[in-house]
Amino acid sequence: MPRYFFDIDNHERYVDDEGTDLANADEARMQAVIFAGDYLREHPDLVGNGSRFSVAVRDEGGTILLNVEVTASDPVATGMSQP
């Protein structure tokens, strides 16, 4: 079974050295989205105005397969507020 690695970037980079055995890349992508949601549920303060949180999925060869990014911005500050 292939091993996939889930690296976190929340203003500091945390590299997953252990990895997780999953059936295929599609399952790894799904797990990355679930992991990002769960992590942010536990740490909602990580995404504030203009900040970014991401989870990158790497395969055993080091190829990044997916990067899940979450950003937050103030719509008034960016000129996107509703009229």
Protein backbone atom coordinates (compact mmCIF):
# COMPACT_ATOMS: atom_id res chain seq x y z
CA MET A 1 0.00 0.00 0.00
CA PRO A 2 1.42 3.45 -0.90
CA ARG A 3 2.44 5.89 1.81
CA TYR A 4 1.41 9.55 1.71
CA PHE A 5 2.71 12.46 3.75
CA PHE A 6 0.68 15.43 4.99
CA ASP A 7 2.77 18.56 5.54
CA ILE A 8 1.21 21.52 7.38
CA ASP A 9 1.99 25.19 6.82
CA ASN A 10 0.41 27.55 9.32
CA HIS A 11 3.05 30.29 9.37
CA GLU A 12 5.49 27.55 10.33
CA ARG A 13 6.09 24.44 8.29
CA TYR A 14 5.61 21.02 9.85
CA VAL A 15 6.90 18.15 7.72
CA ASP A 16 5.22 14.76 8.12
CA ASP A 17 8.12 12.30 8.42
CA GLU A 18 5.91 9.33 9.32
CA GLY A 19 3.26 9.30 6.59
CA THR A 20 0.08 7.26 6.27
CA ASP A 21 -0.61 4.13 4.24
CA LEU A 22 -3.60 4.71 1.96
CA ALA A 23 -5.07 2.81 -0.98
CA ASN A 24 -4.37 5.45 -3.63
CA ALA A 25 -3.89 9.14 -4.42
CA ASP A 26 -7.65 9.79 -4.51
CA GLU A 27 -7.97 8.57 -0.92
CA ALA A 28 -4.98 10.74 0.06
CA ARG A 29 -6.66 13.81 -1.47
CA MET A 30 -9.88 13.08 0.43
CA GLN A 31 -7.98 12.58 3.68
CA ALA A 32 -6.14 15.90 3.19
CA VAL A 33 -9.42 17.81 2.94
CA ILE A 34 -10.83 16.03 6.00
CA PHE A 35 -7.59 16.59 7.94
CA ALA A 36 -7.55 20.32 7.08
CA GLY A 37 -11.15 20.71 8.28
CA ASP A 38 -10.52 18.80 11.50
CA TYR A 39 -7.29 20.69 12.22
CA LEU A 40 -8.97 24.07 11.72
CA ARG A 41 -11.91 23.03 13.86
CA GLU A 42 -9.42 22.47 16.69
CA HIS A 43 -7.36 25.62 15.87
CA PRO A 44 -9.74 28.20 14.33
CA ASP A 45 -7.44 31.07 15.32
CA LEU A 46 -4.90 29.94 12.69
CA VAL A 47 -6.88 31.58 9.89
CA GLY A 48 -7.34 35.29 10.47
CA ASN A 49 -7.56 38.23 8.13
CA GLY A 50 -4.99 37.73 5.40
CA SER A 51 -3.50 34.57 6.87
CA ARG A 52 -3.21 31.19 5.21
CA PHE A 53 -3.27 27.57 6.33
CA SER A 54 -2.35 24.71 4.02
CA VAL A 55 -1.90 20.97 3.91
CA ALA A 56 0.30 19.54 1.16
CA VAL A 57 0.04 15.86 0.25
CA ARG A 58 3.27 14.20 -0.92
CA ASP A 59 3.74 10.72 -2.27
CA GLU A 60 6.68 8.46 -1.39
CA GLY A 61 8.75 9.98 -4.17
CA GLY A 62 8.27 13.50 -2.78
CA THR A 63 5.87 14.67 -5.50
CA ILE A 64 3.22 17.05 -4.18
CA LEU A 65 -0.15 15.71 -5.30
CA LEU A 66 -2.43 18.29 -3.73
CA ASN A 67 -2.22 21.46 -1.70
CA VAL A 68 -5.34 22.30 0.32
CA GLU A 69 -5.23 26.02 1.17
CA VAL A 70 -7.55 27.98 3.42
CA THR A 71 -7.36 31.77 3.52
CA ALA A 72 -9.43 34.38 5.26
CA SER A 73 -9.87 38.00 4.34
CA ASP A 74 -11.93 40.94 5.45
CA PRO A 75 -14.33 41.73 2.56
CA VAL A 76 -14.51 45.40 3.57
CA ALA A 77 -10.72 45.78 3.56
CA THR A 78 -10.43 44.12 0.15
CA GLY A 79 -13.27 46.14 -1.41
CA MET A 80 -15.49 43.09 -1.86
CA SER A 81 -18.29 44.03 0.56
CA GLN A 82 -21.88 43.88 -0.61
CA PRO A 83 -23.49 47.22 -1.61
